[in-house]
Amino acid sequence: MIFIAVGSNLHVPGLGKPLDICRKALARLDSMGITVATLSRFYETAPVPVSDQPWFVNAVARVECDLDAAALLDRLHQVEQEFGRVRRERNEARVLDLDLIDYKRMVDAGPPILPHPRMADRAFVLLPLADVAPDWTHPADGRGIGDLIAALPPDQAIRPLSGLE
């Protein structure tokens, strides 16, 4: 299975609010042959690390495609650029963030690094991932998703977007 995380925290004229942007990005991936097989609920999440930037909208999708991990990551970056993402500094506000979380349980030092190196520390990845893969285990260390969620620091605020999924 292949899992990607999607997120946005900027309103962009012509693209809409973060939830709209996430949905449009998933549709764009589908038009490129990256089929969304399962999608989590959407969540509102505080920025990590904590800052004064707007909250994010996040989800995780299980996708299917014929691309290898490097080609898939290139496509994710292409879609980010199409939506106006410019990478200037780490953890900045962004119109779109597409991350390759897990590619067929591969463990690889990269590029790309698999599984995503910070996924186990992020509520905005783990809670949506639990929606689509409740029995998932970390490919590198075997920890279950429930254990990973239980180990998250308490300062990561996250809540489902009710009625919008």
C-alpha atoms as a PDB file:
ATOM      1  CA  MET A   1       0.000   0.000   0.000  1.00  0.00           C
ATOM      2  CA  ILE A   2       1.017   3.583  -0.650  1.00  0.00           C
ATOM      3  CA  PHE A   3       0.034   6.435   1.672  1.00  0.00           C
ATOM      4  CA  ILE A   4       0.350  10.155   1.074  1.00  0.00           C
ATOM      5  CA  ALA A   5      -0.434  13.030   3.406  1.00  0.00           C
ATOM      6  CA  VAL A   6      -2.118  16.165   2.118  1.00  0.00           C
ATOM      7  CA  GLY A   7      -2.263  19.508   3.885  1.00  0.00           C
ATOM      8  CA  SER A   8      -2.814  23.225   3.399  1.00  0.00           C
ATOM      9  CA  ASN A   9      -3.096  26.285   5.614  1.00  0.00           C
ATOM     10  CA  LEU A  10      -3.394  29.167   3.180  1.00  0.00           C
ATOM     11  CA  HIS A  11      -6.434  30.630   1.456  1.00  0.00           C
ATOM     12  CA  VAL A  12      -5.581  31.375  -2.173  1.00  0.00           C
ATOM     13  CA  PRO A  13      -7.828  33.392  -4.479  1.00  0.00           C
ATOM     14  CA  GLY A  14      -8.852  31.166  -7.365  1.00  0.00           C
ATOM     15  CA  LEU A  15      -8.076  27.981  -5.430  1.00  0.00           C
ATOM     16  CA  GLY A  16     -10.115  28.595  -2.296  1.00  0.00           C
ATOM     17  CA  LYS A  17      -9.742  27.663   1.335  1.00  0.00           C
ATOM     18  CA  PRO A  18      -7.358  24.963   2.585  1.00  0.00           C
ATOM     19  CA  LEU A  19     -10.038  22.249   2.428  1.00  0.00           C
ATOM     20  CA  ASP A  20     -10.831  23.192  -1.187  1.00  0.00           C
ATOM     21  CA  ILE A  21      -7.142  23.144  -2.059  1.00  0.00           C
ATOM     22  CA  CYS A  22      -6.665  19.680  -0.548  1.00  0.00           C
ATOM     23  CA  ARG A  23      -9.636  18.318  -2.487  1.00  0.00           C
ATOM     24  CA  LYS A  24      -8.457  19.902  -5.742  1.00  0.00           C
ATOM     25  CA  ALA A  25      -4.962  18.501  -5.230  1.00  0.00           C
ATOM     26  CA  LEU A  26      -6.357  14.991  -4.750  1.00  0.00           C
ATOM     27  CA  ALA A  27      -8.411  15.394  -7.933  1.00  0.00           C
ATOM     28  CA  ARG A  28      -5.283  16.556  -9.758  1.00  0.00           C
ATOM     29  CA  LEU A  29      -3.393  13.473  -8.601  1.00  0.00           C
ATOM     30  CA  ASP A  30      -6.239  11.310  -9.875  1.00  0.00           C
ATOM     31  CA  SER A  31      -5.990  12.997 -13.289  1.00  0.00           C
ATOM     32  CA  MET A  32      -2.299  11.976 -13.337  1.00  0.00           C
ATOM     33  CA  GLY A  33      -3.023   8.286 -12.773  1.00  0.00           C
ATOM     34  CA  ILE A  34      -2.523   8.399  -8.998  1.00  0.00           C
ATOM     35  CA  THR A  35      -5.840   6.967  -7.841  1.00  0.00           C
ATOM     36  CA  VAL A  36      -7.134   7.765  -4.376  1.00  0.00           C
ATOM     37  CA  ALA A  37      -8.435   4.411  -3.138  1.00  0.00           C
ATOM     38  CA  THR A  38      -9.280   5.504   0.417  1.00  0.00           C
ATOM     39  CA  LEU A  39      -9.309   8.929   2.048  1.00  0.00           C
ATOM     40  CA  SER A  40      -9.329   9.736   5.750  1.00  0.00           C
ATOM     41  CA  ARG A  41     -11.489  12.359   7.341  1.00  0.00           C
ATOM     42  CA  PHE A  42     -10.155  15.874   7.073  1.00  0.00           C
ATOM     43  CA  TYR A  43      -8.687  17.342  10.250  1.00  0.00           C
ATOM     44  CA  GLU A  44      -7.877  20.837  11.484  1.00  0.00           C
ATOM     45  CA  THR A  45      -4.407  20.811  12.979  1.00  0.00           C
ATOM     46  CA  ALA A  46      -2.229  23.322  14.755  1.00  0.00           C
ATOM     47  CA  PRO A  47       1.110  24.073  13.082  1.00  0.00           C
ATOM     48  CA  VAL A  48       4.078  21.929  14.146  1.00  0.00           C
ATOM     49  CA  PRO A  49       6.145  23.374  15.664  1.00  0.00           C
ATOM     50  CA  VAL A  50       3.660  25.682  17.380  1.00  0.00           C
ATOM     51  CA  SER A  51       3.563  29.104  15.721  1.00  0.00           C
ATOM     52  CA  ASP A  52       1.184  31.943  14.938  1.00  0.00           C
ATOM     53  CA  GLN A  53       0.502  30.792  11.375  1.00  0.00           C
ATOM     54  CA  PRO A  54      -3.010  29.575  10.437  1.00  0.00           C
ATOM     55  CA  TRP A  55      -4.127  26.068  11.351  1.00  0.00           C
ATOM     56  CA  PHE A  56      -3.824  23.400   8.669  1.00  0.00           C
ATOM     57  CA  VAL A  57      -6.351  21.126   7.038  1.00  0.00           C
ATOM     58  CA  ASN A  58      -4.844  17.618   6.754  1.00  0.00           C
ATOM     59  CA  ALA A  59      -5.806  14.165   5.522  1.00  0.00           C
ATOM     60  CA  VAL A  60      -4.134  10.914   4.465  1.00  0.00           C
ATOM     61  CA  ALA A  61      -4.944   9.008   1.294  1.00  0.00           C
ATOM     62  CA  ARG A  62      -4.168   5.452   0.315  1.00  0.00           C
ATOM     63  CA  VAL A  63      -3.297   5.668  -3.348  1.00  0.00           C
ATOM     64  CA  GLU A  64      -2.652   3.293  -6.203  1.00  0.00           C
ATOM     65  CA  CYS A  65      -0.317   3.968  -9.120  1.00  0.00           C
ATOM     66  CA  ASP A  66       2.273   2.367 -11.376  1.00  0.00           C
ATOM     67  CA  LEU A  67       5.049   4.766 -10.372  1.00  0.00           C
ATOM     68  CA  ASP A  68       8.082   3.885  -8.304  1.00  0.00           C
ATOM     69  CA  ALA A  69       8.658   5.844  -5.099  1.00  0.00           C
ATOM     70  CA  ALA A  70      10.996   8.450  -6.621  1.00  0.00           C
ATOM     71  CA  ALA A  71       8.701   9.114  -9.592  1.00  0.00           C
ATOM     72  CA  LEU A  72       5.694   9.383  -7.292  1.00  0.00           C
ATOM     73  CA  LEU A  73       7.470  11.899  -5.070  1.00  0.00           C
ATOM     74  CA  ASP A  74       8.397  13.897  -8.176  1.00  0.00           C
ATOM     75  CA  ARG A  75       4.714  13.986  -9.176  1.00  0.00           C
ATOM     76  CA  LEU A  76       3.707  15.114  -5.692  1.00  0.00           C
ATOM     77  CA  HIS A  77       6.226  17.962  -5.908  1.00  0.00           C
ATOM     78  CA  GLN A  78       4.960  18.819  -9.400  1.00  0.00           C
ATOM     79  CA  VAL A  79       1.399  19.170  -8.097  1.00  0.00           C
ATOM     80  CA  GLU A  80       2.619  21.317  -5.178  1.00  0.00           C
ATOM     81  CA  GLN A  81       4.318  23.631  -7.684  1.00  0.00           C
ATOM     82  CA  GLU A  82       1.212  23.737  -9.908  1.00  0.00           C
ATOM     83  CA  PHE A  83      -0.740  24.947  -6.870  1.00  0.00           C
ATOM     84  CA  GLY A  84       1.809  27.676  -6.186  1.00  0.00           C
ATOM     85  CA  ARG A  85       3.986  26.176  -3.488  1.00  0.00           C
ATOM     86  CA  VAL A  86       7.389  27.772  -3.175  1.00  0.00           C
ATOM     87  CA  ARG A  87       9.832  26.191  -0.713  1.00  0.00           C
ATOM     88  CA  ARG A  88      11.665  28.898   1.206  1.00  0.00           C
ATOM     89  CA  GLU A  89      11.998  27.644   4.764  1.00  0.00           C
ATOM     90  CA  ARG A  90      11.074  24.579   6.765  1.00  0.00           C
ATOM     91  CA  ASN A  91       7.698  24.526   8.564  1.00  0.00           C
ATOM     92  CA  GLU A  92       6.412  27.640   6.821  1.00  0.00           C
ATOM     93  CA  ALA A  93       2.775  28.268   5.922  1.00  0.00           C
ATOM     94  CA  ARG A  94       1.996  26.624   2.607  1.00  0.00           C
ATOM     95  CA  VAL A  95      -0.665  26.482  -0.043  1.00  0.00           C
ATOM     96  CA  LEU A  96      -0.158  22.715  -0.427  1.00  0.00           C
ATOM     97  CA  ASP A  97       1.921  19.991   1.174  1.00  0.00           C
ATOM     98  CA  LEU A  98       1.974  16.493  -0.308  1.00  0.00           C
ATOM     99  CA  ASP A  99       4.175  13.976   1.490  1.00  0.00           C
ATOM    100  CA  LEU A 100       4.958  10.376   0.627  1.00  0.00           C
ATOM    101  CA  ILE A 101       4.392   8.682   3.990  1.00  0.00           C
ATOM    102  CA  ASP A 102       4.742   4.981   3.208  1.00  0.00           C
ATOM    103  CA  TYR A 103       5.487   3.323  -0.115  1.00  0.00           C
ATOM    104  CA  LYS A 104       4.696  -0.394  -0.038  1.00  0.00           C
ATOM    105  CA  ARG A 105       6.337  -0.705   3.398  1.00  0.00           C
ATOM    106  CA  MET A 106       9.762   0.133   1.962  1.00  0.00           C
ATOM    107  CA  VAL A 107      12.525   1.158   4.312  1.00  0.00           C
ATOM    108  CA  ASP A 108      15.080   3.200   2.391  1.00  0.00           C
ATOM    109  CA  ALA A 109      17.643   5.853   3.301  1.00  0.00           C
ATOM    110  CA  GLY A 110      16.682   7.612   0.081  1.00  0.00           C
ATOM    111  CA  PRO A 111      16.137   9.420  -1.914  1.00  0.00           C
ATOM    112  CA  PRO A 112      13.311   9.392  -1.117  1.00  0.00           C
ATOM    113  CA  ILE A 113      13.661   8.534   2.559  1.00  0.00           C
ATOM    114  CA  LEU A 114      11.039   5.904   3.398  1.00  0.00           C
ATOM    115  CA  PRO A 115       8.988   5.802   5.442  1.00  0.00           C
ATOM    116  CA  HIS A 116       8.718   9.579   5.869  1.00  0.00           C
ATOM    117  CA  PRO A 117      11.304  10.410   8.555  1.00  0.00           C
ATOM    118  CA  ARG A 118       9.050  12.590  10.764  1.00  0.00           C
ATOM    119  CA  MET A 119       5.706  10.872  10.291  1.00  0.00           C
ATOM    120  CA  ALA A 120       5.799   9.037  13.631  1.00  0.00           C
ATOM    121  CA  ASP A 121       6.045  12.377  15.462  1.00  0.00           C
ATOM    122  CA  ARG A 122       3.102  14.069  13.755  1.00  0.00           C
ATOM    123  CA  ALA A 123      -0.514  13.839  14.924  1.00  0.00           C
ATOM    124  CA  PHE A 124      -1.602  15.362  11.609  1.00  0.00           C
ATOM    125  CA  VAL A 125      -0.250  12.250   9.861  1.00  0.00           C
ATOM    126  CA  LEU A 126      -0.955   9.498  12.379  1.00  0.00           C
ATOM    127  CA  LEU A 127      -4.610  10.219  13.193  1.00  0.00           C
ATOM    128  CA  PRO A 128      -5.697  10.424   9.542  1.00  0.00           C
ATOM    129  CA  LEU A 129      -3.539   7.368   8.766  1.00  0.00           C
ATOM    130  CA  ALA A 130      -5.390   5.461  11.494  1.00  0.00           C
ATOM    131  CA  ASP A 131      -8.656   6.288   9.690  1.00  0.00           C
ATOM    132  CA  VAL A 132      -7.538   4.553   6.490  1.00  0.00           C
ATOM    133  CA  ALA A 133      -5.249   1.863   7.949  1.00  0.00           C
ATOM    134  CA  PRO A 134      -6.153   1.078  11.575  1.00  0.00           C
ATOM    135  CA  ASP A 135      -3.855  -1.978  11.612  1.00  0.00           C
ATOM    136  CA  TRP A 136      -0.866  -0.203  10.035  1.00  0.00           C
ATOM    137  CA  THR A 137       2.547  -0.739  11.602  1.00  0.00           C
ATOM    138  CA  HIS A 138       5.655   1.363  11.094  1.00  0.00           C
ATOM    139  CA  PRO A 139       7.783  -0.389   8.437  1.00  0.00           C
ATOM    140  CA  ALA A 140      11.081   0.457  10.125  1.00  0.00           C
ATOM    141  CA  ASP A 141      10.388  -0.402  13.762  1.00  0.00           C
ATOM    142  CA  GLY A 142       7.139  -2.382  13.778  1.00  0.00           C
ATOM    143  CA  ARG A 143       5.259  -0.126  16.206  1.00  0.00           C
ATOM    144  CA  GLY A 144       1.506  -0.125  15.699  1.00  0.00           C
ATOM    145  CA  ILE A 145      -0.397   3.022  14.885  1.00  0.00           C
ATOM    146  CA  GLY A 146      -2.120   3.018  18.277  1.00  0.00           C
ATOM    147  CA  ASP A 147       1.221   2.940  20.078  1.00  0.00           C
ATOM    148  CA  LEU A 148       2.579   5.731  17.880  1.00  0.00           C
ATOM    149  CA  ILE A 149      -0.487   7.897  18.568  1.00  0.00           C
ATOM    150  CA  ALA A 150      -0.223   7.233  22.306  1.00  0.00           C
ATOM    151  CA  ALA A 151       3.421   8.386  22.243  1.00  0.00           C
ATOM    152  CA  LEU A 152       2.667  11.757  20.591  1.00  0.00           C
ATOM    153  CA  PRO A 153       3.514  14.893  22.558  1.00  0.00           C
ATOM    154  CA  PRO A 154       0.412  16.533  24.093  1.00  0.00           C
ATOM    155  CA  ASP A 155       0.988  19.906  22.403  1.00  0.00           C
ATOM    156  CA  GLN A 156      -0.200  18.792  18.941  1.00  0.00           C
ATOM    157  CA  ALA A 157      -3.763  20.066  18.669  1.00  0.00           C
ATOM    158  CA  ILE A 158      -5.929  18.195  16.157  1.00  0.00           C
ATOM    159  CA  ARG A 159      -9.679  17.875  15.634  1.00  0.00           C
ATOM    160  CA  PRO A 160     -11.828  16.358  12.878  1.00  0.00           C
ATOM    161  CA  LEU A 161     -13.573  18.781  10.549  1.00  0.00           C
ATOM    162  CA  SER A 162     -17.136  17.732  11.263  1.00  0.00           C
ATOM    163  CA  GLY A 163     -19.646  17.593   8.440  1.00  0.00           C
ATOM    164  CA  LEU A 164     -17.118  18.452   5.740  1.00  0.00           C
ATOM    165  CA  GLU A 165     -15.687  15.084   4.789  1.00  0.00           C
END
